[in-house]
Amino acid sequence: MPVKMKDLPISERPYEKLELYGEKRLSNSELLAIIIKTGTKEETAVTLAQKILKLRKRR
């Protein structure tokens, strides 16, 4: 069963992490996840962002 954002500790959630620590402490996938906003039933926005970034690296 996939992990849901609400099941993650607050310090691991992109929006909350941004508020707590600022954008310089977020990974590229976390920043992209904030832009994406929502995931799917199977994947979080962070997981989708990681996949997008991996596709970018292949080129």
PDB file of N, CA and C in Angstrom:
ATOM      1  N   MET A   1       0.835  -1.181   0.000  1.00  0.00           N
ATOM      2  CA  MET A   1       0.000   0.000   0.000  1.00  0.00           C
ATOM      3  C   MET A   1       0.886   1.253   0.000  1.00  0.00           C
ATOM      4  N   PRO A   2       0.601   2.210  -0.881  1.00  0.00           N
ATOM      5  CA  PRO A   2       1.438   3.408  -0.976  1.00  0.00           C
ATOM      6  C   PRO A   2       1.345   4.292   0.271  1.00  0.00           C
ATOM      7  N   VAL A   3       2.411   5.026   0.512  1.00  0.00           N
ATOM      8  CA  VAL A   3       2.451   5.957   1.630  1.00  0.00           C
ATOM      9  C   VAL A   3       1.686   7.217   1.240  1.00  0.00           C
ATOM     10  N   LYS A   4       0.864   7.697   2.147  1.00  0.00           N
ATOM     11  CA  LYS A   4       0.122   8.929   1.915  1.00  0.00           C
ATOM     12  C   LYS A   4       0.863  10.076   2.579  1.00  0.00           C
ATOM     13  N   MET A   5       0.764  11.254   1.986  1.00  0.00           N
ATOM     14  CA  MET A   5       1.434  12.423   2.548  1.00  0.00           C
ATOM     15  C   MET A   5       1.009  12.678   3.985  1.00  0.00           C
ATOM     16  N   LYS A   6      -0.264  12.494   4.267  1.00  0.00           N
ATOM     17  CA  LYS A   6      -0.743  12.763   5.631  1.00  0.00           C
ATOM     18  C   LYS A   6      -0.179  11.771   6.641  1.00  0.00           C
ATOM     19  N   ASP A   7       0.352  10.646   6.161  1.00  0.00           N
ATOM     20  CA  ASP A   7       0.959   9.663   7.053  1.00  0.00           C
ATOM     21  C   ASP A   7       2.427   9.976   7.350  1.00  0.00           C
ATOM     22  N   LEU A   8       3.011  10.871   6.578  1.00  0.00           N
ATOM     23  CA  LEU A   8       4.406  11.256   6.789  1.00  0.00           C
ATOM     24  C   LEU A   8       4.502  12.228   7.962  1.00  0.00           C
ATOM     25  N   PRO A   9       5.630  12.231   8.656  1.00  0.00           N
ATOM     26  CA  PRO A   9       5.821  13.248   9.699  1.00  0.00           C
ATOM     27  C   PRO A   9       5.767  14.645   9.063  1.00  0.00           C
ATOM     28  N   ILE A  10       5.315  15.614   9.813  1.00  0.00           N
ATOM     29  CA  ILE A  10       5.177  16.972   9.279  1.00  0.00           C
ATOM     30  C   ILE A  10       6.503  17.481   8.707  1.00  0.00           C
ATOM     31  N   SER A  11       7.605  17.131   9.328  1.00  0.00           N
ATOM     32  CA  SER A  11       8.917  17.604   8.869  1.00  0.00           C
ATOM     33  C   SER A  11       9.331  16.989   7.533  1.00  0.00           C
ATOM     34  N   GLU A  12       8.593  15.989   7.047  1.00  0.00           N
ATOM     35  CA  GLU A  12       8.898  15.322   5.776  1.00  0.00           C
ATOM     36  C   GLU A  12       7.991  15.784   4.638  1.00  0.00           C
ATOM     37  N   ARG A  13       6.966  16.539   4.944  1.00  0.00           N
ATOM     38  CA  ARG A  13       6.015  16.981   3.926  1.00  0.00           C
ATOM     39  C   ARG A  13       6.545  18.242   3.248  1.00  0.00           C
ATOM     40  N   PRO A  14       6.506  18.292   1.914  1.00  0.00           N
ATOM     41  CA  PRO A  14       7.112  19.415   1.200  1.00  0.00           C
ATOM     42  C   PRO A  14       6.611  20.804   1.604  1.00  0.00           C
ATOM     43  N   TYR A  15       5.309  20.999   1.710  1.00  0.00           N
ATOM     44  CA  TYR A  15       4.784  22.325   2.061  1.00  0.00           C
ATOM     45  C   TYR A  15       5.247  22.743   3.456  1.00  0.00           C
ATOM     46  N   GLU A  16       5.140  21.824   4.392  1.00  0.00           N
ATOM     47  CA  GLU A  16       5.520  22.123   5.762  1.00  0.00           C
ATOM     48  C   GLU A  16       7.027  22.330   5.879  1.00  0.00           C
ATOM     49  N   LYS A  17       7.779  21.515   5.163  1.00  0.00           N
ATOM     50  CA  LYS A  17       9.235  21.642   5.163  1.00  0.00           C
ATOM     51  C   LYS A  17       9.648  23.000   4.590  1.00  0.00           C
ATOM     52  N   LEU A  18       8.957  23.436   3.548  1.00  0.00           N
ATOM     53  CA  LEU A  18       9.218  24.746   2.961  1.00  0.00           C
ATOM     54  C   LEU A  18       8.981  25.848   3.992  1.00  0.00           C
ATOM     55  N   GLU A  19       7.872  25.766   4.701  1.00  0.00           N
ATOM     56  CA  GLU A  19       7.565  26.773   5.722  1.00  0.00           C
ATOM     57  C   GLU A  19       8.571  26.752   6.868  1.00  0.00           C
ATOM     58  N   LEU A  20       8.964  25.556   7.290  1.00  0.00           N
ATOM     59  CA  LEU A  20       9.867  25.431   8.433  1.00  0.00           C
ATOM     60  C   LEU A  20      11.307  25.822   8.111  1.00  0.00           C
ATOM     61  N   TYR A  21      11.799  25.384   6.944  1.00  0.00           N
ATOM     62  CA  TYR A  21      13.226  25.505   6.653  1.00  0.00           C
ATOM     63  C   TYR A  21      13.577  26.390   5.461  1.00  0.00           C
ATOM     64  N   GLY A  22      12.618  26.704   4.618  1.00  0.00           N
ATOM     65  CA  GLY A  22      12.902  27.500   3.428  1.00  0.00           C
ATOM     66  C   GLY A  22      13.229  26.628   2.232  1.00  0.00           C
ATOM     67  N   GLU A  23      13.180  27.245   1.061  1.00  0.00           N
ATOM     68  CA  GLU A  23      13.341  26.493  -0.187  1.00  0.00           C
ATOM     69  C   GLU A  23      14.724  25.888  -0.380  1.00  0.00           C
ATOM     70  N   LYS A  24      15.738  26.446   0.226  1.00  0.00           N
ATOM     71  CA  LYS A  24      17.103  25.934   0.045  1.00  0.00           C
ATOM     72  C   LYS A  24      17.295  24.554   0.682  1.00  0.00           C
ATOM     73  N   ARG A  25      16.444  24.185   1.600  1.00  0.00           N
ATOM     74  CA  ARG A  25      16.545  22.881   2.272  1.00  0.00           C
ATOM     75  C   ARG A  25      15.740  21.788   1.582  1.00  0.00           C
ATOM     76  N   LEU A  26      14.985  22.150   0.534  1.00  0.00           N
ATOM     77  CA  LEU A  26      14.172  21.164  -0.174  1.00  0.00           C
ATOM     78  C   LEU A  26      14.939  20.605  -1.365  1.00  0.00           C
ATOM     79  N   SER A  27      14.685  19.352  -1.656  1.00  0.00           N
ATOM     80  CA  SER A  27      15.284  18.718  -2.836  1.00  0.00           C
ATOM     81  C   SER A  27      14.524  19.183  -4.070  1.00  0.00           C
ATOM     82  N   ASN A  28      15.093  18.948  -5.234  1.00  0.00           N
ATOM     83  CA  ASN A  28      14.414  19.295  -6.487  1.00  0.00           C
ATOM     84  C   ASN A  28      13.078  18.571  -6.597  1.00  0.00           C
ATOM     85  N   SER A  29      13.040  17.321  -6.167  1.00  0.00           N
ATOM     86  CA  SER A  29      11.780  16.577  -6.244  1.00  0.00           C
ATOM     87  C   SER A  29      10.731  17.151  -5.300  1.00  0.00           C
ATOM     88  N   GLU A  30      11.137  17.636  -4.146  1.00  0.00           N
ATOM     89  CA  GLU A  30      10.180  18.256  -3.226  1.00  0.00           C
ATOM     90  C   GLU A  30       9.654  19.574  -3.788  1.00  0.00           C
ATOM     91  N   LEU A  31      10.535  20.367  -4.391  1.00  0.00           N
ATOM     92  CA  LEU A  31      10.110  21.625  -5.006  1.00  0.00           C
ATOM     93  C   LEU A  31       9.142  21.363  -6.156  1.00  0.00           C
ATOM     94  N   LEU A  32       9.450  20.377  -6.983  1.00  0.00           N
ATOM     95  CA  LEU A  32       8.565  20.026  -8.092  1.00  0.00           C
ATOM     96  C   LEU A  32       7.236  19.476  -7.564  1.00  0.00           C
ATOM     97  N   ALA A  33       7.271  18.725  -6.487  1.00  0.00           N
ATOM     98  CA  ALA A  33       6.045  18.191  -5.887  1.00  0.00           C
ATOM     99  C   ALA A  33       5.120  19.316  -5.433  1.00  0.00           C
ATOM    100  N   ILE A  34       5.691  20.402  -4.957  1.00  0.00           N
ATOM    101  CA  ILE A  34       4.878  21.555  -4.557  1.00  0.00           C
ATOM    102  C   ILE A  34       4.174  22.142  -5.772  1.00  0.00           C
ATOM    103  N   ILE A  35       4.856  22.184  -6.895  1.00  0.00           N
ATOM    104  CA  ILE A  35       4.252  22.688  -8.133  1.00  0.00           C
ATOM    105  C   ILE A  35       3.166  21.728  -8.614  1.00  0.00           C
ATOM    106  N   ILE A  36       3.448  20.435  -8.565  1.00  0.00           N
ATOM    107  CA  ILE A  36       2.479  19.414  -8.999  1.00  0.00           C
ATOM    108  C   ILE A  36       1.243  19.433  -8.105  1.00  0.00           C
ATOM    109  N   LYS A  37       1.438  19.642  -6.831  1.00  0.00           N
ATOM    110  CA  LYS A  37       0.398  19.737  -5.793  1.00  0.00           C
ATOM    111  C   LYS A  37      -0.204  18.412  -5.352  1.00  0.00           C
ATOM    112  N   THR A  38      -0.668  17.582  -6.265  1.00  0.00           N
ATOM    113  CA  THR A  38      -1.310  16.333  -5.837  1.00  0.00           C
ATOM    114  C   THR A  38      -0.739  15.149  -6.593  1.00  0.00           C
ATOM    115  N   GLY A  39      -0.788  14.015  -5.943  1.00  0.00           N
ATOM    116  CA  GLY A  39      -0.369  12.778  -6.580  1.00  0.00           C
ATOM    117  C   GLY A  39      -1.588  12.009  -7.063  1.00  0.00           C
ATOM    118  N   THR A  40      -1.427  10.716  -7.103  1.00  0.00           N
ATOM    119  CA  THR A  40      -2.524   9.834  -7.495  1.00  0.00           C
ATOM    120  C   THR A  40      -2.809   8.906  -6.324  1.00  0.00           C
ATOM    121  N   LYS A  41      -3.736   8.000  -6.509  1.00  0.00           N
ATOM    122  CA  LYS A  41      -4.003   7.015  -5.456  1.00  0.00           C
ATOM    123  C   LYS A  41      -2.792   6.123  -5.221  1.00  0.00           C
ATOM    124  N   GLU A  42      -2.009   5.915  -6.271  1.00  0.00           N
ATOM    125  CA  GLU A  42      -0.860   5.014  -6.186  1.00  0.00           C
ATOM    126  C   GLU A  42       0.433   5.711  -5.773  1.00  0.00           C
ATOM    127  N   GLU A  43       0.566   7.015  -6.071  1.00  0.00           N
ATOM    128  CA  GLU A  43       1.842   7.693  -5.848  1.00  0.00           C
ATOM    129  C   GLU A  43       1.633   9.103  -5.295  1.00  0.00           C
ATOM    130  N   THR A  44       2.553   9.499  -4.437  1.00  0.00           N
ATOM    131  CA  THR A  44       2.512  10.867  -3.918  1.00  0.00           C
ATOM    132  C   THR A  44       3.064  11.820  -4.967  1.00  0.00           C
ATOM    133  N   ALA A  45       2.856  13.095  -4.756  1.00  0.00           N
ATOM    134  CA  ALA A  45       3.402  14.106  -5.659  1.00  0.00           C
ATOM    135  C   ALA A  45       4.930  14.037  -5.684  1.00  0.00           C
ATOM    136  N   VAL A  46       5.532  13.713  -4.550  1.00  0.00           N
ATOM    137  CA  VAL A  46       6.994  13.603  -4.490  1.00  0.00           C
ATOM    138  C   VAL A  46       7.475  12.438  -5.355  1.00  0.00           C
ATOM    139  N   THR A  47       6.792  11.311  -5.294  1.00  0.00           N
ATOM    140  CA  THR A  47       7.162  10.160  -6.119  1.00  0.00           C
ATOM    141  C   THR A  47       7.025  10.482  -7.595  1.00  0.00           C
ATOM    142  N   LEU A  48       5.949  11.154  -7.966  1.00  0.00           N
ATOM    143  CA  LEU A  48       5.769  11.567  -9.360  1.00  0.00           C
ATOM    144  C   LEU A  48       6.883  12.524  -9.787  1.00  0.00           C
ATOM    145  N   ALA A  49       7.222  13.453  -8.913  1.00  0.00           N
ATOM    146  CA  ALA A  49       8.292  14.408  -9.217  1.00  0.00           C
ATOM    147  C   ALA A  49       9.625  13.686  -9.413  1.00  0.00           C
ATOM    148  N   GLN A  50       9.900  12.694  -8.580  1.00  0.00           N
ATOM    149  CA  GLN A  50      11.137  11.915  -8.725  1.00  0.00           C
ATOM    150  C   GLN A  50      11.175  11.213 -10.076  1.00  0.00           C
ATOM    151  N   LYS A  51      10.057  10.672 -10.504  1.00  0.00           N
ATOM    152  CA  LYS A  51       9.998   9.994 -11.806  1.00  0.00           C
ATOM    153  C   LYS A  51      10.236  10.973 -12.948  1.00  0.00           C
ATOM    154  N   ILE A  52       9.652  12.153 -12.849  1.00  0.00           N
ATOM    155  CA  ILE A  52       9.848  13.176 -13.880  1.00  0.00           C
ATOM    156  C   ILE A  52      11.320  13.562 -13.958  1.00  0.00           C
ATOM    157  N   LEU A  53      11.936  13.765 -12.812  1.00  0.00           N
ATOM    158  CA  LEU A  53      13.347  14.149 -12.805  1.00  0.00           C
ATOM    159  C   LEU A  53      14.244  13.043 -13.337  1.00  0.00           C
ATOM    160  N   LYS A  54      13.894  11.782 -13.088  1.00  0.00           N
ATOM    161  CA  LYS A  54      14.667  10.668 -13.638  1.00  0.00           C
ATOM    162  C   LYS A  54      14.559  10.639 -15.156  1.00  0.00           C
ATOM    163  N   LEU A  55      13.376  10.920 -15.684  1.00  0.00           N
ATOM    164  CA  LEU A  55      13.195  10.978 -17.142  1.00  0.00           C
ATOM    165  C   LEU A  55      14.075  12.068 -17.750  1.00  0.00           C
ATOM    166  N   ARG A  56      14.150  13.175 -17.061  1.00  0.00           N
ATOM    167  CA  ARG A  56      14.964  14.304 -17.520  1.00  0.00           C
ATOM    168  C   ARG A  56      16.439  13.923 -17.574  1.00  0.00           C
ATOM    169  N   LYS A  57      16.904  13.150 -16.597  1.00  0.00           N
ATOM    170  CA  LYS A  57      18.312  12.757 -16.527  1.00  0.00           C
ATOM    171  C   LYS A  57      18.683  11.781 -17.649  1.00  0.00           C
ATOM    172  N   ARG A  58      17.721  11.014 -18.138  1.00  0.00           N
ATOM    173  CA  ARG A  58      17.987  10.023 -19.189  1.00  0.00           C
ATOM    174  C   ARG A  58      18.338  10.684 -20.513  1.00  0.00           C
ATOM    175  N   ARG A  59      17.918  11.900 -20.692  1.00  0.00           N
ATOM    176  CA  ARG A  59      18.138  12.579 -21.983  1.00  0.00           C
ATOM    177  C   ARG A  59      19.507  13.139 -22.105  1.00  0.00           C
TER     178      ARG A  59
END
